[in-house]
Amino acid sequence: MDGVDTPTKSGSLITVHNPVGYPPKVSAKTAAPRLDSLDGKIVYLVDCRFDDSIKLLKQIEGWFADLMPSVETRIISLNNTYQKDDPETWKEIQAKGDGAIFGVGH
């Protein structure tokens, strides 16, 4: 529906449009296979540059250091904001990492 015709007090009609627009079509993808264990693995903690996500990731890094010291964590920030694709970062994670946790802030 492009718009809704709404009567005014005077009886004339105005058309009200939805400012949200139309969402893009999304194709479903299967999740990555789970690792049997994180022991000795490298887990990337990805800062998506969303409100305070780096603070969350530093907390997660500390948790791993305290409770799973055999897991190496690497904090990495996207080259841009979370709204843009970052193929360079994805290639690095695929080449050097065993898993990733994405920080999205609050």
PDB file of N, CA and C in Angstrom:
ATOM      1  N   MET A   1       0.854  -1.154   0.000  1.00  0.00           N
ATOM      2  CA  MET A   1       0.000   0.000   0.000  1.00  0.00           C
ATOM      3  C   MET A   1       0.907   1.226   0.000  1.00  0.00           C
ATOM      4  N   ASP A   2       0.721   2.108  -0.949  1.00  0.00           N
ATOM      5  CA  ASP A   2       1.531   3.312  -1.065  1.00  0.00           C
ATOM      6  C   ASP A   2       1.098   4.396  -0.085  1.00  0.00           C
ATOM      7  N   GLY A   3      -0.154   4.541   0.133  1.00  0.00           N
ATOM      8  CA  GLY A   3      -0.639   5.600   1.012  1.00  0.00           C
ATOM      9  C   GLY A   3      -2.068   5.335   1.421  1.00  0.00           C
ATOM     10  N   VAL A   4      -2.519   6.088   2.413  1.00  0.00           N
ATOM     11  CA  VAL A   4      -3.880   5.953   2.918  1.00  0.00           C
ATOM     12  C   VAL A   4      -4.557   7.307   2.775  1.00  0.00           C
ATOM     13  N   ASP A   5      -5.722   7.324   2.148  1.00  0.00           N
ATOM     14  CA  ASP A   5      -6.487   8.563   2.037  1.00  0.00           C
ATOM     15  C   ASP A   5      -7.256   8.778   3.335  1.00  0.00           C
ATOM     16  N   THR A   6      -7.039   9.931   3.931  1.00  0.00           N
ATOM     17  CA  THR A   6      -7.635  10.248   5.222  1.00  0.00           C
ATOM     18  C   THR A   6      -8.438  11.534   5.109  1.00  0.00           C
ATOM     19  N   PRO A   7      -9.706  11.514   5.547  1.00  0.00           N
ATOM     20  CA  PRO A   7     -10.505  12.745   5.463  1.00  0.00           C
ATOM     21  C   PRO A   7     -10.070  13.752   6.531  1.00  0.00           C
ATOM     22  N   THR A   8     -10.097  15.023   6.179  1.00  0.00           N
ATOM     23  CA  THR A   8      -9.814  16.100   7.128  1.00  0.00           C
ATOM     24  C   THR A   8     -11.129  16.601   7.698  1.00  0.00           C
ATOM     25  N   LYS A   9     -11.083  17.558   8.627  1.00  0.00           N
ATOM     26  CA  LYS A   9     -12.311  18.127   9.213  1.00  0.00           C
ATOM     27  C   LYS A   9     -13.175  18.795   8.158  1.00  0.00           C
ATOM     28  N   SER A  10     -12.525  19.372   7.144  1.00  0.00           N
ATOM     29  CA  SER A  10     -13.293  20.056   6.101  1.00  0.00           C
ATOM     30  C   SER A  10     -13.890  19.076   5.095  1.00  0.00           C
ATOM     31  N   GLY A  11     -13.558  17.800   5.216  1.00  0.00           N
ATOM     32  CA  GLY A  11     -14.105  16.808   4.305  1.00  0.00           C
ATOM     33  C   GLY A  11     -13.212  16.488   3.124  1.00  0.00           C
ATOM     34  N   SER A  12     -12.161  17.277   2.901  1.00  0.00           N
ATOM     35  CA  SER A  12     -11.235  16.958   1.811  1.00  0.00           C
ATOM     36  C   SER A  12     -10.337  15.790   2.239  1.00  0.00           C
ATOM     37  N   LEU A  13      -9.746  15.147   1.262  1.00  0.00           N
ATOM     38  CA  LEU A  13      -8.888  14.000   1.548  1.00  0.00           C
ATOM     39  C   LEU A  13      -7.417  14.385   1.415  1.00  0.00           C
ATOM     40  N   ILE A  14      -6.618  13.840   2.324  1.00  0.00           N
ATOM     41  CA  ILE A  14      -5.174  13.939   2.172  1.00  0.00           C
ATOM     42  C   ILE A  14      -4.624  12.523   2.143  1.00  0.00           C
ATOM     43  N   THR A  15      -3.530  12.339   1.449  1.00  0.00           N
ATOM     44  CA  THR A  15      -2.910  11.014   1.391  1.00  0.00           C
ATOM     45  C   THR A  15      -1.729  10.973   2.350  1.00  0.00           C
ATOM     46  N   VAL A  16      -1.719   9.997   3.233  1.00  0.00           N
ATOM     47  CA  VAL A  16      -0.648   9.817   4.210  1.00  0.00           C
ATOM     48  C   VAL A  16       0.180   8.613   3.757  1.00  0.00           C
ATOM     49  N   HIS A  17       1.484   8.841   3.601  1.00  0.00           N
ATOM     50  CA  HIS A  17       2.391   7.773   3.158  1.00  0.00           C
ATOM     51  C   HIS A  17       3.162   7.210   4.343  1.00  0.00           C
ATOM     52  N   ASN A  18       3.483   5.955   4.254  1.00  0.00           N
ATOM     53  CA  ASN A  18       4.276   5.292   5.272  1.00  0.00           C
ATOM     54  C   ASN A  18       5.747   5.638   5.040  1.00  0.00           C
ATOM     55  N   PRO A  19       6.432   6.305   5.976  1.00  0.00           N
ATOM     56  CA  PRO A  19       7.824   6.705   5.771  1.00  0.00           C
ATOM     57  C   PRO A  19       8.823   5.565   5.946  1.00  0.00           C
ATOM     58  N   VAL A  20       8.366   4.423   6.402  1.00  0.00           N
ATOM     59  CA  VAL A  20       9.277   3.321   6.668  1.00  0.00           C
ATOM     60  C   VAL A  20       9.833   2.725   5.383  1.00  0.00           C
ATOM     61  N   GLY A  21       9.065   2.694   4.347  1.00  0.00           N
ATOM     62  CA  GLY A  21       9.521   2.100   3.098  1.00  0.00           C
ATOM     63  C   GLY A  21       9.307   0.603   3.091  1.00  0.00           C
ATOM     64  N   TYR A  22      10.046  -0.061   2.239  1.00  0.00           N
ATOM     65  CA  TYR A  22       9.890  -1.502   2.078  1.00  0.00           C
ATOM     66  C   TYR A  22      11.208  -2.189   2.390  1.00  0.00           C
ATOM     67  N   PRO A  23      11.195  -3.200   3.244  1.00  0.00           N
ATOM     68  CA  PRO A  23      12.438  -3.884   3.593  1.00  0.00           C
ATOM     69  C   PRO A  23      12.963  -4.692   2.409  1.00  0.00           C
ATOM     70  N   PRO A  24      14.279  -4.867   2.330  1.00  0.00           N
ATOM     71  CA  PRO A  24      14.836  -5.672   1.247  1.00  0.00           C
ATOM     72  C   PRO A  24      14.491  -7.140   1.433  1.00  0.00           C
ATOM     73  N   LYS A  25      14.492  -7.879   0.353  1.00  0.00           N
ATOM     74  CA  LYS A  25      14.245  -9.311   0.430  1.00  0.00           C
ATOM     75  C   LYS A  25      15.456  -9.958   1.095  1.00  0.00           C
ATOM     76  N   VAL A  26      15.213 -10.852   2.024  1.00  0.00           N
ATOM     77  CA  VAL A  26      16.280 -11.512   2.773  1.00  0.00           C
ATOM     78  C   VAL A  26      16.312 -12.980   2.394  1.00  0.00           C
ATOM     79  N   SER A  27      17.497 -13.459   2.061  1.00  0.00           N
ATOM     80  CA  SER A  27      17.675 -14.879   1.743  1.00  0.00           C
ATOM     81  C   SER A  27      18.208 -15.602   2.978  1.00  0.00           C
ATOM     82  N   ALA A  28      17.567 -16.685   3.326  1.00  0.00           N
ATOM     83  CA  ALA A  28      17.977 -17.454   4.499  1.00  0.00           C
ATOM     84  C   ALA A  28      19.308 -18.153   4.238  1.00  0.00           C
ATOM     85  N   LYS A  29      20.141 -18.209   5.275  1.00  0.00           N
ATOM     86  CA  LYS A  29      21.412 -18.917   5.212  1.00  0.00           C
ATOM     87  C   LYS A  29      21.491 -19.821   6.424  1.00  0.00           C
ATOM     88  N   THR A  30      22.204 -20.910   6.283  1.00  0.00           N
ATOM     89  CA  THR A  30      22.375 -21.801   7.421  1.00  0.00           C
ATOM     90  C   THR A  30      23.477 -21.253   8.323  1.00  0.00           C
ATOM     91  N   ALA A  31      23.384 -21.554   9.585  1.00  0.00           N
ATOM     92  CA  ALA A  31      24.396 -21.119  10.540  1.00  0.00           C
ATOM     93  C   ALA A  31      25.699 -21.895  10.306  1.00  0.00           C
ATOM     94  N   ALA A  32      26.804 -21.287  10.712  1.00  0.00           N
ATOM     95  CA  ALA A  32      28.103 -21.965  10.612  1.00  0.00           C
ATOM     96  C   ALA A  32      28.099 -23.155  11.561  1.00  0.00           C
ATOM     97  N   PRO A  33      28.843 -24.199  11.212  1.00  0.00           N
ATOM     98  CA  PRO A  33      28.889 -25.360  12.110  1.00  0.00           C
ATOM     99  C   PRO A  33      29.544 -24.993  13.442  1.00  0.00           C
ATOM    100  N   ARG A  34      29.066 -25.600  14.501  1.00  0.00           N
ATOM    101  CA  ARG A  34      29.620 -25.342  15.830  1.00  0.00           C
ATOM    102  C   ARG A  34      30.928 -26.098  16.015  1.00  0.00           C
ATOM    103  N   LEU A  35      31.821 -25.484  16.784  1.00  0.00           N
ATOM    104  CA  LEU A  35      33.072 -26.147  17.138  1.00  0.00           C
ATOM    105  C   LEU A  35      32.804 -27.120  18.278  1.00  0.00           C
ATOM    106  N   ASP A  36      33.546 -28.217  18.313  1.00  0.00           N
ATOM    107  CA  ASP A  36      33.403 -29.160  19.423  1.00  0.00           C
ATOM    108  C   ASP A  36      33.889 -28.553  20.729  1.00  0.00           C
ATOM    109  N   SER A  37      34.934 -27.726  20.636  1.00  0.00           N
ATOM    110  CA  SER A  37      35.534 -27.105  21.807  1.00  0.00           C
ATOM    111  C   SER A  37      36.199 -25.799  21.389  1.00  0.00           C
ATOM    112  N   LEU A  38      36.375 -24.903  22.330  1.00  0.00           N
ATOM    113  CA  LEU A  38      37.104 -23.663  22.073  1.00  0.00           C
ATOM    114  C   LEU A  38      38.555 -23.742  22.545  1.00  0.00           C
ATOM    115  N   ASP A  39      38.933 -24.840  23.205  1.00  0.00           N
ATOM    116  CA  ASP A  39      40.302 -24.989  23.703  1.00  0.00           C
ATOM    117  C   ASP A  39      41.312 -24.828  22.572  1.00  0.00           C
ATOM    118  N   GLY A  40      42.260 -23.905  22.769  1.00  0.00           N
ATOM    119  CA  GLY A  40      43.309 -23.682  21.790  1.00  0.00           C
ATOM    120  C   GLY A  40      42.859 -22.943  20.540  1.00  0.00           C
ATOM    121  N   LYS A  41      41.655 -22.443  20.539  1.00  0.00           N
ATOM    122  CA  LYS A  41      41.105 -21.767  19.358  1.00  0.00           C
ATOM    123  C   LYS A  41      41.280 -20.254  19.462  1.00  0.00           C
ATOM    124  N   ILE A  42      41.137 -19.581  18.316  1.00  0.00           N
ATOM    125  CA  ILE A  42      41.167 -18.127  18.238  1.00  0.00           C
ATOM    126  C   ILE A  42      39.743 -17.646  17.979  1.00  0.00           C
ATOM    127  N   VAL A  43      39.263 -16.793  18.880  1.00  0.00           N
ATOM    128  CA  VAL A  43      37.915 -16.233  18.746  1.00  0.00           C
ATOM    129  C   VAL A  43      38.053 -14.717  18.558  1.00  0.00           C
ATOM    130  N   TYR A  44      37.549 -14.243  17.436  1.00  0.00           N
ATOM    131  CA  TYR A  44      37.549 -12.814  17.174  1.00  0.00           C
ATOM    132  C   TYR A  44      36.355 -12.174  17.864  1.00  0.00           C
ATOM    133  N   LEU A  45      36.608 -11.059  18.529  1.00  0.00           N
ATOM    134  CA  LEU A  45      35.558 -10.267  19.154  1.00  0.00           C
ATOM    135  C   LEU A  45      35.406  -9.032  18.281  1.00  0.00           C
ATOM    136  N   VAL A  46      34.316  -8.979  17.538  1.00  0.00           N
ATOM    137  CA  VAL A  46      34.150  -7.991  16.472  1.00  0.00           C
ATOM    138  C   VAL A  46      33.352  -6.782  16.961  1.00  0.00           C
ATOM    139  N   ASP A  47      34.045  -5.634  16.962  1.00  0.00           N
ATOM    140  CA  ASP A  47      33.414  -4.364  17.315  1.00  0.00           C
ATOM    141  C   ASP A  47      32.690  -3.844  16.078  1.00  0.00           C
ATOM    142  N   CYS A  48      31.373  -3.868  16.115  1.00  0.00           N
ATOM    143  CA  CYS A  48      30.571  -3.435  14.973  1.00  0.00           C
ATOM    144  C   CYS A  48      30.366  -1.926  14.949  1.00  0.00           C
ATOM    145  N   ARG A  49      31.035  -1.222  15.854  1.00  0.00           N
ATOM    146  CA  ARG A  49      30.962   0.245  15.959  1.00  0.00           C
ATOM    147  C   ARG A  49      29.537   0.725  16.233  1.00  0.00           C
ATOM    148  N   PHE A  50      28.826  -0.068  17.003  1.00  0.00           N
ATOM    149  CA  PHE A  50      27.503   0.313  17.478  1.00  0.00           C
ATOM    150  C   PHE A  50      27.673   0.759  18.922  1.00  0.00           C
ATOM    151  N   ASP A  51      26.825   1.627  19.408  1.00  0.00           N
ATOM    152  CA  ASP A  51      26.939   2.240  20.741  1.00  0.00           C
ATOM    153  C   ASP A  51      27.611   1.344  21.787  1.00  0.00           C
ATOM    154  N   ASP A  52      28.811   1.717  22.157  1.00  0.00           N
ATOM    155  CA  ASP A  52      29.559   1.092  23.258  1.00  0.00           C
ATOM    156  C   ASP A  52      29.827  -0.403  23.093  1.00  0.00           C
ATOM    157  N   SER A  53      29.802  -0.923  21.892  1.00  0.00           N
ATOM    158  CA  SER A  53      30.052  -2.358  21.733  1.00  0.00           C
ATOM    159  C   SER A  53      31.462  -2.735  22.167  1.00  0.00           C
ATOM    160  N   ILE A  54      32.422  -1.836  22.032  1.00  0.00           N
ATOM    161  CA  ILE A  54      33.800  -2.145  22.437  1.00  0.00           C
ATOM    162  C   ILE A  54      33.865  -2.409  23.938  1.00  0.00           C
ATOM    163  N   LYS A  55      33.032  -1.713  24.731  1.00  0.00           N
ATOM    164  CA  LYS A  55      33.003  -1.950  26.176  1.00  0.00           C
ATOM    165  C   LYS A  55      32.520  -3.359  26.480  1.00  0.00           C
ATOM    166  N   LEU A  56      31.507  -3.796  25.768  1.00  0.00           N
ATOM    167  CA  LEU A  56      30.997  -5.158  25.933  1.00  0.00           C
ATOM    168  C   LEU A  56      32.078  -6.174  25.575  1.00  0.00           C
ATOM    169  N   LEU A  57      32.776  -5.944  24.472  1.00  0.00           N
ATOM    170  CA  LEU A  57      33.786  -6.900  24.020  1.00  0.00           C
ATOM    171  C   LEU A  57      34.966  -6.984  24.985  1.00  0.00           C
ATOM    172  N   LYS A  58      35.335  -5.886  25.608  1.00  0.00           N
ATOM    173  CA  LYS A  58      36.410  -5.914  26.609  1.00  0.00           C
ATOM    174  C   LYS A  58      35.991  -6.734  27.827  1.00  0.00           C
ATOM    175  N   GLN A  59      34.719  -6.678  28.179  1.00  0.00           N
ATOM    176  CA  GLN A  59      34.202  -7.518  29.268  1.00  0.00           C
ATOM    177  C   GLN A  59      34.269  -8.996  28.879  1.00  0.00           C
ATOM    178  N   ILE A  60      33.899  -9.296  27.646  1.00  0.00           N
ATOM    179  CA  ILE A  60      33.945 -10.685  27.169  1.00  0.00           C
ATOM    180  C   ILE A  60      35.387 -11.166  27.123  1.00  0.00           C
ATOM    181  N   GLU A  61      36.303 -10.310  26.668  1.00  0.00           N
ATOM    182  CA  GLU A  61      37.728 -10.662  26.626  1.00  0.00           C
ATOM    183  C   GLU A  61      38.224 -11.023  28.033  1.00  0.00           C
ATOM    184  N   GLY A  62      37.836 -10.231  29.024  1.00  0.00           N
ATOM    185  CA  GLY A  62      38.216 -10.518  30.407  1.00  0.00           C
ATOM    186  C   GLY A  62      37.627 -11.819  30.910  1.00  0.00           C
ATOM    187  N   TRP A  63      36.387 -12.098  30.509  1.00  0.00           N
ATOM    188  CA  TRP A  63      35.742 -13.352  30.910  1.00  0.00           C
ATOM    189  C   TRP A  63      36.528 -14.544  30.370  1.00  0.00           C
ATOM    190  N   PHE A  64      36.889 -14.480  29.082  1.00  0.00           N
ATOM    191  CA  PHE A  64      37.673 -15.570  28.499  1.00  0.00           C
ATOM    192  C   PHE A  64      39.017 -15.710  29.213  1.00  0.00           C
ATOM    193  N   ALA A  65      39.695 -14.597  29.495  1.00  0.00           N
ATOM    194  CA  ALA A  65      41.000 -14.642  30.162  1.00  0.00           C
ATOM    195  C   ALA A  65      40.889 -15.302  31.537  1.00  0.00           C
ATOM    196  N   ASP A  66      39.822 -15.006  32.258  1.00  0.00           N
ATOM    197  CA  ASP A  66      39.639 -15.562  33.600  1.00  0.00           C
ATOM    198  C   ASP A  66      39.162 -17.008  33.602  1.00  0.00           C
ATOM    199  N   LEU A  67      38.220 -17.322  32.724  1.00  0.00           N
ATOM    200  CA  LEU A  67      37.548 -18.623  32.803  1.00  0.00           C
ATOM    201  C   LEU A  67      37.932 -19.617  31.712  1.00  0.00           C
ATOM    202  N   MET A  68      38.476 -19.139  30.604  1.00  0.00           N
ATOM    203  CA  MET A  68      38.893 -20.027  29.517  1.00  0.00           C
ATOM    204  C   MET A  68      40.221 -19.529  28.945  1.00  0.00           C
ATOM    205  N   PRO A  69      41.284 -19.560  29.743  1.00  0.00           N
ATOM    206  CA  PRO A  69      42.559 -18.986  29.305  1.00  0.00           C
ATOM    207  C   PRO A  69      43.186 -19.683  28.102  1.00  0.00           C
ATOM    208  N   SER A  70      42.723 -20.865  27.751  1.00  0.00           N
ATOM    209  CA  SER A  70      43.276 -21.559  26.574  1.00  0.00           C
ATOM    210  C   SER A  70      42.733 -20.991  25.263  1.00  0.00           C
ATOM    211  N   VAL A  71      41.730 -20.110  25.366  1.00  0.00           N
ATOM    212  CA  VAL A  71      41.138 -19.496  24.181  1.00  0.00           C
ATOM    213  C   VAL A  71      41.827 -18.145  23.948  1.00  0.00           C
ATOM    214  N   GLU A  72      42.333 -17.947  22.739  1.00  0.00           N
ATOM    215  CA  GLU A  72      42.922 -16.660  22.386  1.00  0.00           C
ATOM    216  C   GLU A  72      41.824 -15.782  21.807  1.00  0.00           C
ATOM    217  N   THR A  73      41.685 -14.569  22.342  1.00  0.00           N
ATOM    218  CA  THR A  73      40.700 -13.629  21.807  1.00  0.00           C
ATOM    219  C   THR A  73      41.431 -12.476  21.129  1.00  0.00           C
ATOM    220  N   ARG A  74      40.842 -11.985  20.072  1.00  0.00           N
ATOM    221  CA  ARG A  74      41.371 -10.844  19.341  1.00  0.00           C
ATOM    222  C   ARG A  74      40.236  -9.870  19.080  1.00  0.00           C
ATOM    223  N   ILE A  75      40.358  -8.672  19.643  1.00  0.00           N
ATOM    224  CA  ILE A  75      39.352  -7.639  19.378  1.00  0.00           C
ATOM    225  C   ILE A  75      39.708  -6.957  18.066  1.00  0.00           C
ATOM    226  N   ILE A  76      38.715  -6.853  17.197  1.00  0.00           N
ATOM    227  CA  ILE A  76      38.900  -6.201  15.905  1.00  0.00           C
ATOM    228  C   ILE A  76      37.694  -5.304  15.648  1.00  0.00           C
ATOM    229  N   SER A  77      37.952  -4.131  15.095  1.00  0.00           N
ATOM    230  CA  SER A  77      36.863  -3.208  14.771  1.00  0.00           C
ATOM    231  C   SER A  77      36.599  -3.217  13.281  1.00  0.00           C
ATOM    232  N   LEU A  78      35.342  -3.102  12.924  1.00  0.00           N
ATOM    233  CA  LEU A  78      35.004  -2.977  11.509  1.00  0.00           C
ATOM    234  C   LEU A  78      35.670  -1.733  10.941  1.00  0.00           C
ATOM    235  N   ASN A  79      35.992  -1.751   9.668  1.00  0.00           N
ATOM    236  CA  ASN A  79      36.622  -0.614   9.016  1.00  0.00           C
ATOM    237  C   ASN A  79      35.667   0.556   8.835  1.00  0.00           C
ATOM    238  N   ASN A  80      34.384   0.303   8.966  1.00  0.00           N
ATOM    239  CA  ASN A  80      33.368   1.329   8.810  1.00  0.00           C
ATOM    240  C   ASN A  80      32.294   1.059   9.848  1.00  0.00           C
ATOM    241  N   THR A  81      31.109   1.582   9.667  1.00  0.00           N
ATOM    242  CA  THR A  81      30.029   1.309  10.612  1.00  0.00           C
ATOM    243  C   THR A  81      29.378  -0.036  10.287  1.00  0.00           C
ATOM    244  N   TYR A  82      28.551  -0.492  11.200  1.00  0.00           N
ATOM    245  CA  TYR A  82      27.846  -1.767  11.030  1.00  0.00           C
ATOM    246  C   TYR A  82      26.910  -1.756   9.835  1.00  0.00           C
ATOM    247  N   GLN A  83      26.638  -0.595   9.287  1.00  0.00           N
ATOM    248  CA  GLN A  83      25.689  -0.487   8.179  1.00  0.00           C
ATOM    249  C   GLN A  83      26.315  -0.848   6.836  1.00  0.00           C
ATOM    250  N   LYS A  84      27.639  -0.993   6.785  1.00  0.00           N
ATOM    251  CA  LYS A  84      28.317  -1.284   5.519  1.00  0.00           C
ATOM    252  C   LYS A  84      29.078  -2.595   5.632  1.00  0.00           C
ATOM    253  N   ASP A  85      29.088  -3.337   4.559  1.00  0.00           N
ATOM    254  CA  ASP A  85      29.812  -4.601   4.510  1.00  0.00           C
ATOM    255  C   ASP A  85      31.311  -4.335   4.645  1.00  0.00           C
ATOM    256  N   ASP A  86      32.044  -5.294   5.204  1.00  0.00           N
ATOM    257  CA  ASP A  86      33.484  -5.138   5.424  1.00  0.00           C
ATOM    258  C   ASP A  86      34.205  -6.423   5.007  1.00  0.00           C
ATOM    259  N   PRO A  87      34.326  -6.677   3.704  1.00  0.00           N
ATOM    260  CA  PRO A  87      34.930  -7.924   3.226  1.00  0.00           C
ATOM    261  C   PRO A  87      36.343  -8.181   3.745  1.00  0.00           C
ATOM    262  N   GLU A  88      37.144  -7.129   3.947  1.00  0.00           N
ATOM    263  CA  GLU A  88      38.505  -7.315   4.460  1.00  0.00           C
ATOM    264  C   GLU A  88      38.490  -7.969   5.841  1.00  0.00           C
ATOM    265  N   THR A  89      37.627  -7.475   6.702  1.00  0.00           N
ATOM    266  CA  THR A  89      37.542  -8.026   8.055  1.00  0.00           C
ATOM    267  C   THR A  89      37.046  -9.466   8.019  1.00  0.00           C
ATOM    268  N   TRP A  90      36.063  -9.752   7.180  1.00  0.00           N
ATOM    269  CA  TRP A  90      35.531 -11.125   7.105  1.00  0.00           C
ATOM    270  C   TRP A  90      36.621 -12.081   6.615  1.00  0.00           C
ATOM    271  N   LYS A  91      37.437 -11.639   5.652  1.00  0.00           N
ATOM    272  CA  LYS A  91      38.522 -12.487   5.139  1.00  0.00           C
ATOM    273  C   LYS A  91      39.537 -12.785   6.232  1.00  0.00           C
ATOM    274  N   GLU A  92      39.889 -11.773   7.023  1.00  0.00           N
ATOM    275  CA  GLU A  92      40.844 -11.996   8.108  1.00  0.00           C
ATOM    276  C   GLU A  92      40.306 -12.999   9.116  1.00  0.00           C
ATOM    277  N   ILE A  93      39.044 -12.826   9.507  1.00  0.00           N
ATOM    278  CA  ILE A  93      38.447 -13.743  10.480  1.00  0.00           C
ATOM    279  C   ILE A  93      38.406 -15.156   9.926  1.00  0.00           C
ATOM    280  N   GLN A  94      38.034 -15.314   8.655  1.00  0.00           N
ATOM    281  CA  GLN A  94      37.983 -16.645   8.047  1.00  0.00           C
ATOM    282  C   GLN A  94      39.366 -17.273   7.957  1.00  0.00           C
ATOM    283  N   ALA A  95      40.387 -16.465   7.640  1.00  0.00           N
ATOM    284  CA  ALA A  95      41.738 -16.993   7.455  1.00  0.00           C
ATOM    285  C   ALA A  95      42.435 -17.317   8.778  1.00  0.00           C
ATOM    286  N   LYS A  96      42.223 -16.507   9.792  1.00  0.00           N
ATOM    287  CA  LYS A  96      43.010 -16.631  11.019  1.00  0.00           C
ATOM    288  C   LYS A  96      42.213 -17.063  12.244  1.00  0.00           C
ATOM    289  N   GLY A  97      40.890 -17.010  12.169  1.00  0.00           N
ATOM    290  CA  GLY A  97      40.085 -17.301  13.347  1.00  0.00           C
ATOM    291  C   GLY A  97      39.335 -18.607  13.254  1.00  0.00           C
ATOM    292  N   ASP A  98      38.903 -19.051  14.433  1.00  0.00           N
ATOM    293  CA  ASP A  98      38.079 -20.259  14.502  1.00  0.00           C
ATOM    294  C   ASP A  98      36.621 -19.929  14.794  1.00  0.00           C
ATOM    295  N   GLY A  99      36.384 -18.715  15.272  1.00  0.00           N
ATOM    296  CA  GLY A  99      35.030 -18.287  15.599  1.00  0.00           C
ATOM    297  C   GLY A  99      34.999 -16.791  15.806  1.00  0.00           C
ATOM    298  N   ALA A 100      33.805 -16.251  15.956  1.00  0.00           N
ATOM    299  CA  ALA A 100      33.649 -14.809  16.153  1.00  0.00           C
ATOM    300  C   ALA A 100      32.424 -14.530  17.003  1.00  0.00           C
ATOM    301  N   ILE A 101      32.547 -13.475  17.793  1.00  0.00           N
ATOM    302  CA  ILE A 101      31.439 -12.948  18.579  1.00  0.00           C
ATOM    303  C   ILE A 101      31.294 -11.486  18.147  1.00  0.00           C
ATOM    304  N   PHE A 102      30.096 -11.087  17.788  1.00  0.00           N
ATOM    305  CA  PHE A 102      29.857  -9.732  17.319  1.00  0.00           C
ATOM    306  C   PHE A 102      29.243  -8.904  18.442  1.00  0.00           C
ATOM    307  N   GLY A 103      29.883  -7.774  18.733  1.00  0.00           N
ATOM    308  CA  GLY A 103      29.388  -6.868  19.762  1.00  0.00           C
ATOM    309  C   GLY A 103      28.468  -5.840  19.142  1.00  0.00           C
ATOM    310  N   VAL A 104      27.279  -5.701  19.717  1.00  0.00           N
ATOM    311  CA  VAL A 104      26.318  -4.756  19.176  1.00  0.00           C
ATOM    312  C   VAL A 104      25.894  -3.710  20.194  1.00  0.00           C
ATOM    313  N   GLY A 105      26.674  -3.517  21.227  1.00  0.00           N
ATOM    314  CA  GLY A 105      26.382  -2.431  22.155  1.00  0.00           C
ATOM    315  C   GLY A 105      25.425  -2.799  23.253  1.00  0.00           C
ATOM    316  N   HIS A 106      24.766  -1.760  23.769  1.00  0.00           N
ATOM    317  CA  HIS A 106      23.909  -1.851  24.953  1.00  0.00           C
ATOM    318  C   HIS A 106      23.391  -3.235  25.141  1.00  0.00           C
TER     319      HIS A 106
END
